PDB file of N, CA and C in Angstrom:
ATOM      1  N   UNK A   1      48.898  24.273  99.083  1.00  0.00           N
ATOM      2  CA  UNK A   1      48.688  23.136  99.869  1.00  0.00           C
ATOM      3  C   UNK A   1      49.381  22.213 100.309  1.00  0.00           C
ATOM      4  N   UNK A   2      49.808  21.480 101.167  1.00  0.00           N
ATOM      5  CA  UNK A   2      50.769  20.291 101.192  1.00  0.00           C
ATOM      6  C   UNK A   2      50.194  19.408 102.311  1.00  0.00           C
ATOM      7  N   UNK A   3      50.343  18.383 102.279  1.00  0.00           N
ATOM      8  CA  UNK A   3      49.957  17.579 103.332  1.00  0.00           C
ATOM      9  C   UNK A   3      50.858  16.034 103.484  1.00  0.00           C
ATOM     10  N   UNK A   4      51.386  16.050 104.774  1.00  0.00           N
ATOM     11  CA  UNK A   4      52.276  14.633 104.852  1.00  0.00           C
ATOM     12  C   UNK A   4      51.670  13.697 105.806  1.00  0.00           C
ATOM     13  N   UNK A   5      52.096  12.422 105.459  1.00  0.00           N
ATOM     14  CA  UNK A   5      51.839  11.639 106.097  1.00  0.00           C
ATOM     15  C   UNK A   5      53.028  10.866 106.984  1.00  0.00           C
ATOM     16  N   UNK A   6      53.589  11.199 107.606  1.00  0.00           N
ATOM     17  CA  UNK A   6      54.915  10.813 107.992  1.00  0.00           C
ATOM     18  C   UNK A   6      55.325   8.830 108.129  1.00  0.00           C
ATOM     19  N   UNK A   7      54.217   8.546 108.148  1.00  0.00           N
ATOM     20  CA  UNK A   7      54.129   6.686 108.469  1.00  0.00           C
ATOM     21  C   UNK A   7      54.268   6.101 107.207  1.00  0.00           C
ATOM     22  N   UNK A   8      53.666   6.872 106.133  1.00  0.00           N
ATOM     23  CA  UNK A   8      53.913   6.696 104.871  1.00  0.00           C
ATOM     24  C   UNK A   8      54.764   7.335 103.624  1.00  0.00           C
ATOM     25  N   UNK A   9      55.628   8.646 104.575  1.00  0.00           N
ATOM     26  CA  UNK A   9      56.228   9.317 103.573  1.00  0.00           C
ATOM     27  C   UNK A   9      55.059   9.796 102.470  1.00  0.00           C
ATOM     28  N   UNK A  10      54.397  10.294 102.314  1.00  0.00           N
ATOM     29  CA  UNK A  10      53.435  10.654 101.133  1.00  0.00           C
ATOM     30  C   UNK A  10      53.608  12.364 101.545  1.00  0.00           C
ATOM     31  N   UNK A  11      53.539  12.510 100.522  1.00  0.00           N
ATOM     32  CA  UNK A  11      53.168  14.625 100.179  1.00  0.00           C
ATOM     33  C   UNK A  11      52.115  14.259  99.364  1.00  0.00           C
ATOM     34  N   UNK A  12      50.841  15.267  99.539  1.00  0.00           N
ATOM     35  CA  UNK A  12      49.900  15.503  98.327  1.00  0.00           C
ATOM     36  C   UNK A  12      49.783  17.298  98.530  1.00  0.00           C
ATOM     37  N   UNK A  13      50.514  17.612  97.124  1.00  0.00           N
ATOM     38  CA  UNK A  13      50.713  19.302  96.888  1.00  0.00           C
ATOM     39  C   UNK A  13      49.759  19.910  95.735  1.00  0.00           C
ATOM     40  N   UNK A  14      49.222  20.727  95.865  1.00  0.00           N
ATOM     41  CA  UNK A  14      48.262  21.360  94.717  1.00  0.00           C
ATOM     42  C   UNK A  14      48.906  21.988  94.026  1.00  0.00           C
ATOM     43  N   UNK A  15      49.332  21.967  92.755  1.00  0.00           N
ATOM     44  CA  UNK A  15      49.879  22.504  92.468  1.00  0.00           C
ATOM     45  C   UNK A  15      49.103  23.859  91.454  1.00  0.00           C
ATOM     46  N   UNK A  16      48.889  24.724  91.881  1.00  0.00           N
ATOM     47  CA  UNK A  16      47.602  25.690  91.271  1.00  0.00           C
ATOM     48  C   UNK A  16      47.793  26.312  89.717  1.00  0.00           C
ATOM     49  N   UNK A  17      49.344  26.494  89.292  1.00  0.00           N
ATOM     50  CA  UNK A  17      49.703  26.761  88.176  1.00  0.00           C
ATOM     51  C   UNK A  17      49.401  25.635  87.181  1.00  0.00           C
ATOM     52  N   UNK A  18      49.514  24.718  87.631  1.00  0.00           N
ATOM     53  CA  UNK A  18      49.362  23.713  86.769  1.00  0.00           C
ATOM     54  C   UNK A  18      47.814  22.834  86.652  1.00  0.00           C
ATOM     55  N   UNK A  19      47.248  23.464  87.810  1.00  0.00           N
ATOM     56  CA  UNK A  19      45.844  22.614  87.832  1.00  0.00           C
ATOM     57  C   UNK A  19      45.953  21.709  88.408  1.00  0.00           C
ATOM     58  N   UNK A  20      46.703  20.968  88.984  1.00  0.00           N
ATOM     59  CA  UNK A  20      46.563  19.160  89.361  1.00  0.00           C
ATOM     60  C   UNK A  20      47.142  19.142  90.659  1.00  0.00           C
ATOM     61  N   UNK A  21      46.698  18.249  91.661  1.00  0.00           N
ATOM     62  CA  UNK A  21      47.229  17.831  92.827  1.00  0.00           C
ATOM     63  C   UNK A  21      48.306  16.063  92.300  1.00  0.00           C
ATOM     64  N   UNK A  22      49.484  16.824  93.307  1.00  0.00           N
ATOM     65  CA  UNK A  22      50.475  15.909  93.110  1.00  0.00           C
ATOM     66  C   UNK A  22      50.826  14.932  94.170  1.00  0.00           C
ATOM     67  N   UNK A  23      50.893  13.667  93.940  1.00  0.00           N
ATOM     68  CA  UNK A  23      51.206  12.687  94.995  1.00  0.00           C
ATOM     69  C   UNK A  23      52.874  12.403  95.116  1.00  0.00           C
ATOM     70  N   UNK A  24      53.230  12.723  95.800  1.00  0.00           N
ATOM     71  CA  UNK A  24      55.067  11.808  96.022  1.00  0.00           C
ATOM     72  C   UNK A  24      55.183  10.939  96.844  1.00  0.00           C
ATOM     73  N   UNK A  25      55.880  10.214  96.649  1.00  0.00           N
ATOM     74  CA  UNK A  25      56.290   9.126  97.784  1.00  0.00           C
ATOM     75  C   UNK A  25      57.608   9.196  98.138  1.00  0.00           C
ATOM     76  N   UNK A  26      58.241   9.690  99.149  1.00  0.00           N
ATOM     77  CA  UNK A  26      59.788   9.512  99.208  1.00  0.00           C
ATOM     78  C   UNK A  26      60.173  10.656  98.011  1.00  0.00           C
ATOM     79  N   UNK A  27      59.150  11.736  97.823  1.00  0.00           N
ATOM     80  CA  UNK A  27      60.022  12.996  96.715  1.00  0.00           C
ATOM     81  C   UNK A  27      59.602  12.188  95.136  1.00  0.00           C
ATOM     82  N   UNK A  28      58.998  11.095  95.355  1.00  0.00           N
ATOM     83  CA  UNK A  28      58.873  10.881  93.957  1.00  0.00           C
ATOM     84  C   UNK A  28      57.766  10.647  93.345  1.00  0.00           C
ATOM     85  N   UNK A  29      57.260  11.510  92.360  1.00  0.00           N
ATOM     86  CA  UNK A  29      55.991  11.469  91.813  1.00  0.00           C
ATOM     87  C   UNK A  29      55.335   9.590  91.349  1.00  0.00           C
ATOM     88  N   UNK A  30      54.485  10.203  92.076  1.00  0.00           N
ATOM     89  CA  UNK A  30      53.630   8.614  91.647  1.00  0.00           C
ATOM     90  C   UNK A  30      52.188   8.835  91.130  1.00  0.00           C
ATOM     91  N   UNK A  31      51.124   9.665  91.464  1.00  0.00           N
ATOM     92  CA  UNK A  31      50.453  10.173  90.954  1.00  0.00           C
ATOM     93  C   UNK A  31      49.581  11.747  90.587  1.00  0.00           C
ATOM     94  N   UNK A  32      48.795  11.777  89.840  1.00  0.00           N
ATOM     95  CA  UNK A  32      48.410  13.228  89.572  1.00  0.00           C
ATOM     96  C   UNK A  32      46.843  13.306  89.856  1.00  0.00           C
ATOM     97  N   UNK A  33      45.999  14.335  90.025  1.00  0.00           N
ATOM     98  CA  UNK A  33      44.802  14.336  89.535  1.00  0.00           C
ATOM     99  C   UNK A  33      44.371  15.882  89.274  1.00  0.00           C
ATOM    100  N   UNK A  34      44.110  16.429  87.794  1.00  0.00           N
ATOM    101  CA  UNK A  34      44.077  17.301  86.679  1.00  0.00           C
ATOM    102  C   UNK A  34      42.541  17.531  86.936  1.00  0.00           C
ATOM    103  N   UNK A  35      42.437  19.250  87.409  1.00  0.00           N
ATOM    104  CA  UNK A  35      41.444  20.136  87.785  1.00  0.00           C
ATOM    105  C   UNK A  35      41.031  20.986  86.866  1.00  0.00           C
ATOM    106  N   UNK A  36      39.674  21.539  87.021  1.00  0.00           N
ATOM    107  CA  UNK A  36      39.734  23.053  86.295  1.00  0.00           C
ATOM    108  C   UNK A  36      38.464  23.433  87.184  1.00  0.00           C
ATOM    109  N   UNK A  37      38.967  24.715  87.717  1.00  0.00           N
ATOM    110  CA  UNK A  37      38.070  25.288  88.955  1.00  0.00           C
ATOM    111  C   UNK A  37      37.819  26.605  88.201  1.00  0.00           C
ATOM    112  N   UNK A  38      36.412  26.985  88.482  1.00  0.00           N
ATOM    113  CA  UNK A  38      36.106  27.817  87.602  1.00  0.00           C
ATOM    114  C   UNK A  38      34.903  28.966  88.776  1.00  0.00           C
ATOM    115  N   UNK A  39      35.505  28.436  90.097  1.00  0.00           N
ATOM    116  CA  UNK A  39      34.936  29.408  91.378  1.00  0.00           C
ATOM    117  C   UNK A  39      33.921  29.093  91.959  1.00  0.00           C
ATOM    118  N   UNK A  40      33.322  28.249  91.161  1.00  0.00           N
ATOM    119  CA  UNK A  40      31.706  27.640  91.385  1.00  0.00           C
ATOM    120  C   UNK A  40      31.924  25.874  91.783  1.00  0.00           C
ATOM    121  N   UNK A  41      32.870  25.316  90.537  1.00  0.00           N
ATOM    122  CA  UNK A  41      32.217  24.116  90.478  1.00  0.00           C
ATOM    123  C   UNK A  41      34.167  23.651  89.998  1.00  0.00           C
ATOM    124  N   UNK A  42      34.459  22.365  90.601  1.00  0.00           N
ATOM    125  CA  UNK A  42      35.849  22.021  90.256  1.00  0.00           C
ATOM    126  C   UNK A  42      35.897  20.604  89.679  1.00  0.00           C
ATOM    127  N   UNK A  43      36.100  20.788  88.500  1.00  0.00           N
ATOM    128  CA  UNK A  43      35.801  19.613  87.610  1.00  0.00           C
ATOM    129  C   UNK A  43      37.146  18.650  87.541  1.00  0.00           C
ATOM    130  N   UNK A  44      36.870  17.674  88.750  1.00  0.00           N
ATOM    131  CA  UNK A  44      38.527  16.613  88.287  1.00  0.00           C
ATOM    132  C   UNK A  44      37.865  15.996  87.429  1.00  0.00           C
ATOM    133  N   UNK A  45      39.686  16.323  86.284  1.00  0.00           N
ATOM    134  CA  UNK A  45      39.052  15.509  84.646  1.00  0.00           C
ATOM    135  C   UNK A  45      39.760  14.581  84.814  1.00  0.00           C
ATOM    136  N   UNK A  46      40.992  14.832  85.271  1.00  0.00           N
ATOM    137  CA  UNK A  46      41.797  13.177  84.737  1.00  0.00           C
ATOM    138  C   UNK A  46      42.841  12.734  86.255  1.00  0.00           C
ATOM    139  N   UNK A  47      42.417  11.673  86.672  1.00  0.00           N
ATOM    140  CA  UNK A  47      43.659  10.605  87.771  1.00  0.00           C
ATOM    141  C   UNK A  47      44.740   9.952  86.663  1.00  0.00           C
ATOM    142  N   UNK A  48      45.975   9.932  87.169  1.00  0.00           N
ATOM    143  CA  UNK A  48      46.785   9.399  86.386  1.00  0.00           C
ATOM    144  C   UNK A  48      47.976   8.972  87.415  1.00  0.00           C
ATOM    145  N   UNK A  49      48.004   7.663  87.444  1.00  0.00           N
ATOM    146  CA  UNK A  49      49.248   7.290  88.432  1.00  0.00           C
ATOM    147  C   UNK A  49      50.466   6.449  87.168  1.00  0.00           C
ATOM    148  N   UNK A  50      51.731   6.939  88.232  1.00  0.00           N
ATOM    149  CA  UNK A  50      53.043   6.657  87.221  1.00  0.00           C
ATOM    150  C   UNK A  50      52.803   5.163  87.220  1.00  0.00           C
ATOM    151  N   UNK A  51      52.753   4.161  85.738  1.00  0.00           N
ATOM    152  CA  UNK A  51      53.131   3.151  85.537  1.00  0.00           C
ATOM    153  C   UNK A  51      53.434   1.700  86.505  1.00  0.00           C
ATOM    154  N   UNK A  52      54.639   2.198  86.965  1.00  0.00           N
ATOM    155  CA  UNK A  52      55.561   1.418  88.054  1.00  0.00           C
ATOM    156  C   UNK A  52      54.605   1.470  89.209  1.00  0.00           C
ATOM    157  N   UNK A  53      53.767   2.359  89.483  1.00  0.00           N
ATOM    158  CA  UNK A  53      53.261   2.584  91.196  1.00  0.00           C
ATOM    159  C   UNK A  53      51.733   2.417  91.050  1.00  0.00           C
ATOM    160  N   UNK A  54      50.803   1.352  89.813  1.00  0.00           N
ATOM    161  CA  UNK A  54      49.560   1.503  89.761  1.00  0.00           C
ATOM    162  C   UNK A  54      49.471   0.352  90.383  1.00  0.00           C
ATOM    163  N   UNK A  55      48.280   0.235  91.048  1.00  0.00           N
ATOM    164  CA  UNK A  55      47.847  -1.007  92.083  1.00  0.00           C
ATOM    165  C   UNK A  55      47.739  -0.958  93.016  1.00  0.00           C
ATOM    166  N   UNK A  56      48.387   0.210  93.767  1.00  0.00           N
ATOM    167  CA  UNK A  56      48.481   0.527  95.173  1.00  0.00           C
ATOM    168  C   UNK A  56      47.937   1.545  95.707  1.00  0.00           C
ATOM    169  N   UNK A  57      46.730   1.728  95.245  1.00  0.00           N
ATOM    170  CA  UNK A  57      46.033   3.107  95.774  1.00  0.00           C
ATOM    171  C   UNK A  57      46.611   4.647  95.926  1.00  0.00           C
ATOM    172  N   UNK A  58      47.131   4.952  95.087  1.00  0.00           N
ATOM    173  CA  UNK A  58      47.774   5.968  94.821  1.00  0.00           C
ATOM    174  C   UNK A  58      46.860   6.919  94.271  1.00  0.00           C
ATOM    175  N   UNK A  59      46.186   6.380  93.405  1.00  0.00           N
ATOM    176  CA  UNK A  59      44.865   7.455  92.733  1.00  0.00           C
ATOM    177  C   UNK A  59      44.250   7.689  93.598  1.00  0.00           C
ATOM    178  N   UNK A  60      43.772   6.428  94.338  1.00  0.00           N
ATOM    179  CA  UNK A  60      42.499   7.030  95.652  1.00  0.00           C
ATOM    180  C   UNK A  60      43.126   7.518  96.781  1.00  0.00           C
ATOM    181  N   UNK A  61      43.742   8.047  96.915  1.00  0.00           N
ATOM    182  CA  UNK A  61      44.774   8.608  97.652  1.00  0.00           C
ATOM    183  C   UNK A  61      45.079  10.191  97.480  1.00  0.00           C
ATOM    184  N   UNK A  62      45.144  10.067  95.954  1.00  0.00           N
ATOM    185  CA  UNK A  62      45.403  12.068  95.561  1.00  0.00           C
ATOM    186  C   UNK A  62      43.775  12.203  95.569  1.00  0.00           C
ATOM    187  N   UNK A  63      42.896  11.262  95.215  1.00  0.00           N
ATOM    188  CA  UNK A  63      41.433  12.147  94.710  1.00  0.00           C
ATOM    189  C   UNK A  63      40.748  12.276  96.052  1.00  0.00           C
ATOM    190  N   UNK A  64      41.507  11.186  96.994  1.00  0.00           N
ATOM    191  CA  UNK A  64      40.555  11.515  98.337  1.00  0.00           C
ATOM    192  C   UNK A  64      40.819  12.740  99.592  1.00  0.00           C
ATOM    193  N   UNK A  65      42.127  13.354  98.932  1.00  0.00           N
ATOM    194  CA  UNK A  65      42.906  14.159  99.345  1.00  0.00           C
ATOM    195  C   UNK A  65      42.509  15.424  98.497  1.00  0.00           C
ATOM    196  N   UNK A  66      42.360  15.582  97.688  1.00  0.00           N
ATOM    197  CA  UNK A  66      41.869  16.898  96.552  1.00  0.00           C
ATOM    198  C   UNK A  66      40.003  17.190  96.969  1.00  0.00           C
ATOM    199  N   UNK A  67      39.867  15.717  97.357  1.00  0.00           N
ATOM    200  CA  UNK A  67      38.093  15.955  97.718  1.00  0.00           C
ATOM    201  C   UNK A  67      38.092  16.562  99.110  1.00  0.00           C
ATOM    202  N   UNK A  68      38.918  16.373 100.032  1.00  0.00           N
ATOM    203  CA  UNK A  68      38.968  16.666 101.418  1.00  0.00           C
ATOM    204  C   UNK A  68      39.703  18.400 101.221  1.00  0.00           C
ATOM    205  N   UNK A  69      40.686  18.821 100.113  1.00  0.00           N
ATOM    206  CA  UNK A  69      41.132  20.134 100.433  1.00  0.00           C
ATOM    207  C   UNK A  69      40.125  21.150  99.671  1.00  0.00           C
ATOM    208  N   UNK A  70      39.127  20.761  98.662  1.00  0.00           N
ATOM    209  CA  UNK A  70      37.983  21.084  98.235  1.00  0.00           C
ATOM    210  C   UNK A  70      37.137  21.248  99.406  1.00  0.00           C
ATOM    211  N   UNK A  71      36.548  20.414 100.093  1.00  0.00           N
ATOM    212  CA  UNK A  71      35.935  20.572 101.122  1.00  0.00           C
ATOM    213  C   UNK A  71      36.171  21.495 102.098  1.00  0.00           C
ATOM    214  N   UNK A  72      36.944  21.688 102.682  1.00  0.00           N
ATOM    215  CA  UNK A  72      37.655  22.529 103.220  1.00  0.00           C
ATOM    216  C   UNK A  72      37.629  23.784 102.953  1.00  0.00           C
ATOM    217  N   UNK A  73      38.186  24.316 101.932  1.00  0.00           N
ATOM    218  CA  UNK A  73      37.971  25.554 101.419  1.00  0.00           C
ATOM    219  C   UNK A  73      37.027  25.978 101.026  1.00  0.00           C
ATOM    220  N   UNK A  74      35.426  25.440 100.978  1.00  0.00           N
ATOM    221  CA  UNK A  74      34.179  25.248 101.094  1.00  0.00           C
ATOM    222  C   UNK A  74      33.874  26.381  99.589  1.00  0.00           C
ATOM    223  N   UNK A  75      32.362  26.264  99.322  1.00  0.00           N
ATOM    224  CA  UNK A  75      31.990  27.094  98.878  1.00  0.00           C
ATOM    225  C   UNK A  75      31.291  26.836  97.201  1.00  0.00           C
ATOM    226  N   UNK A  76      32.125  25.468  96.823  1.00  0.00           N
ATOM    227  CA  UNK A  76      32.615  24.742  95.451  1.00  0.00           C
ATOM    228  C   UNK A  76      32.152  23.120  95.434  1.00  0.00           C
ATOM    229  N   UNK A  77      30.870  22.809  94.392  1.00  0.00           N
ATOM    230  CA  UNK A  77      31.003  21.637  94.226  1.00  0.00           C
ATOM    231  C   UNK A  77      31.873  20.782  93.167  1.00  0.00           C
ATOM    232  N   UNK A  78      31.811  19.656  93.320  1.00  0.00           N
ATOM    233  CA  UNK A  78      32.522  18.833  92.455  1.00  0.00           C
ATOM    234  C   UNK A  78      31.986  18.200  91.154  1.00  0.00           C
ATOM    235  N   UNK A  79      32.279  18.203  90.391  1.00  0.00           N
ATOM    236  CA  UNK A  79      32.186  17.436  89.013  1.00  0.00           C
ATOM    237  C   UNK A  79      33.361  16.637  88.464  1.00  0.00           C
ATOM    238  N   UNK A  80      32.541  15.265  88.944  1.00  0.00           N
ATOM    239  CA  UNK A  80      33.949  13.773  88.634  1.00  0.00           C
ATOM    240  C   UNK A  80      33.497  13.598  87.486  1.00  0.00           C
ATOM    241  N   UNK A  81      34.203  14.500  86.387  1.00  0.00           N
ATOM    242  CA  UNK A  81      34.373  14.550  85.070  1.00  0.00           C
ATOM    243  C   UNK A  81      35.172  12.920  84.285  1.00  0.00           C
ATOM    244  N   UNK A  82      36.362  12.797  84.766  1.00  0.00           N
ATOM    245  CA  UNK A  82      37.150  11.358  85.180  1.00  0.00           C
ATOM    246  C   UNK A  82      36.541  10.379  85.735  1.00  0.00           C
ATOM    247  N   UNK A  83      36.379   8.821  85.058  1.00  0.00           N
ATOM    248  CA  UNK A  83      35.829   7.575  85.444  1.00  0.00           C
ATOM    249  C   UNK A  83      36.092   7.209  87.206  1.00  0.00           C
ATOM    250  N   UNK A  84      37.755   7.647  87.082  1.00  0.00           N
ATOM    251  CA  UNK A  84      38.131   7.224  87.878  1.00  0.00           C
ATOM    252  C   UNK A  84      37.605   8.162  89.318  1.00  0.00           C
ATOM    253  N   UNK A  85      37.181   9.282  89.569  1.00  0.00           N
ATOM    254  CA  UNK A  85      36.905  10.117  90.362  1.00  0.00           C
ATOM    255  C   UNK A  85      35.561   9.872  90.361  1.00  0.00           C
ATOM    256  N   UNK A  86      34.843   9.126  89.649  1.00  0.00           N
ATOM    257  CA  UNK A  86      33.070   9.158  89.583  1.00  0.00           C
ATOM    258  C   UNK A  86      33.362   7.597  90.191  1.00  0.00           C
ATOM    259  N   UNK A  87      34.209   6.926  90.114  1.00  0.00           N
ATOM    260  CA  UNK A  87      33.833   5.759  90.949  1.00  0.00           C
ATOM    261  C   UNK A  87      34.505   5.838  92.371  1.00  0.00           C
ATOM    262  N   UNK A  88      35.289   6.836  92.618  1.00  0.00           N
ATOM    263  CA  UNK A  88      35.623   6.884  93.826  1.00  0.00           C
ATOM    264  C   UNK A  88      34.590   7.511  94.916  1.00  0.00           C
ATOM    265  N   UNK A  89      33.675   8.409  93.924  1.00  0.00           N
ATOM    266  CA  UNK A  89      32.529   8.632  94.677  1.00  0.00           C
ATOM    267  C   UNK A  89      31.185   7.849  95.335  1.00  0.00           C
ATOM    268  N   UNK A  90      31.164   7.132  93.760  1.00  0.00           N
ATOM    269  CA  UNK A  90      30.515   5.558  94.069  1.00  0.00           C
ATOM    270  C   UNK A  90      31.240   4.600  95.412  1.00  0.00           C
ATOM    271  N   UNK A  91      32.342   4.734  95.643  1.00  0.00           N
ATOM    272  CA  UNK A  91      33.039   4.187  96.752  1.00  0.00           C
ATOM    273  C   UNK A  91      32.812   4.511  98.039  1.00  0.00           C
ATOM    274  N   UNK A  92      32.594   6.069  98.018  1.00  0.00           N
ATOM    275  CA  UNK A  92      32.613   7.065  99.468  1.00  0.00           C
ATOM    276  C   UNK A  92      31.108   7.860  99.240  1.00  0.00           C
ATOM    277  N   UNK A  93      30.220   7.087  99.429  1.00  0.00           N
ATOM    278  CA  UNK A  93      28.776   7.873  99.210  1.00  0.00           C
ATOM    279  C   UNK A  93      28.809   8.962 100.228  1.00  0.00           C
ATOM    280  N   UNK A  94      29.411   8.884 101.426  1.00  0.00           N
ATOM    281  CA  UNK A  94      29.461   9.466 102.610  1.00  0.00           C
ATOM    282  C   UNK A  94      30.087  11.600 101.701  1.00  0.00           C
ATOM    283  N   UNK A  95      30.793  11.252 100.764  1.00  0.00           N
ATOM    284  CA  UNK A  95      30.766  12.624 100.315  1.00  0.00           C
ATOM    285  C   UNK A  95      30.298  12.981  98.735  1.00  0.00           C
ATOM    286  N   UNK A  96      29.179  12.049  98.718  1.00  0.00           N
ATOM    287  CA  UNK A  96      28.111  12.434  97.804  1.00  0.00           C
ATOM    288  C   UNK A  96      27.651  14.058  98.015  1.00  0.00           C
ATOM    289  N   UNK A  97      27.485  14.506  98.789  1.00  0.00           N
ATOM    290  CA  UNK A  97      27.234  15.542  99.039  1.00  0.00           C
ATOM    291  C   UNK A  97      27.820  16.858  98.437  1.00  0.00           C
ATOM    292  N   UNK A  98      29.019  16.649  97.846  1.00  0.00           N
ATOM    293  CA  UNK A  98      30.016  17.377  97.613  1.00  0.00           C
ATOM    294  C   UNK A  98      29.837  17.845  96.098  1.00  0.00           C
ATOM    295  N   UNK A  99      29.546  16.682  95.339  1.00  0.00           N
ATOM    296  CA  UNK A  99      29.069  16.425  93.973  1.00  0.00           C
ATOM    297  C   UNK A  99      27.985  17.290  93.374  1.00  0.00           C
ATOM    298  N   UNK A 100      28.510  17.933  92.288  1.00  0.00           N
ATOM    299  CA  UNK A 100      27.449  18.551  91.557  1.00  0.00           C
ATOM    300  C   UNK A 100      26.126  17.481  91.367  1.00  0.00           C
ATOM    301  N   UNK A 101      24.970  18.402  91.810  1.00  0.00           N
ATOM    302  CA  UNK A 101      23.799  17.867  90.663  1.00  0.00           C
ATOM    303  C   UNK A 101      23.456  18.164  89.575  1.00  0.00           C
ATOM    304  N   UNK A 102      23.215  17.172  88.385  1.00  0.00           N
ATOM    305  CA  UNK A 102      22.805  17.065  87.422  1.00  0.00           C
ATOM    306  C   UNK A 102      21.587  17.173  87.109  1.00  0.00           C
ATOM    307  N   UNK A 103      21.164  18.179  86.373  1.00  0.00           N
ATOM    308  CA  UNK A 103      19.791  18.236  85.721  1.00  0.00           C
ATOM    309  C   UNK A 103      19.396  17.166  85.197  1.00  0.00           C
ATOM    310  N   UNK A 104      17.728  16.768  85.369  1.00  0.00           N
ATOM    311  CA  UNK A 104      17.615  15.273  84.321  1.00  0.00           C
ATOM    312  C   UNK A 104      16.897  15.575  82.992  1.00  0.00           C
TER     313      UNK A 104
END
């Protein structure tokens, strides 16, 4: 999976062998999102942005792209293990239906 945004020169790539999504800007790695996929649940475990690129919304872009990819492929729910991913879902309640329901 590779999605390009020509206006902003960003590319989001799913690296299945590394179990992560990578966001590149003009070919340079700026942010990653690690995941674990057991076929039923995709646990989004760690979002990381290269320090010199922090504060520019790159983590939100990689999480949003990953969520869109998971939703499009269907059949799985998301477990927001990473605190940043949990905050992203709190700010995007329209995607809450994709989250794994935790038992009380």
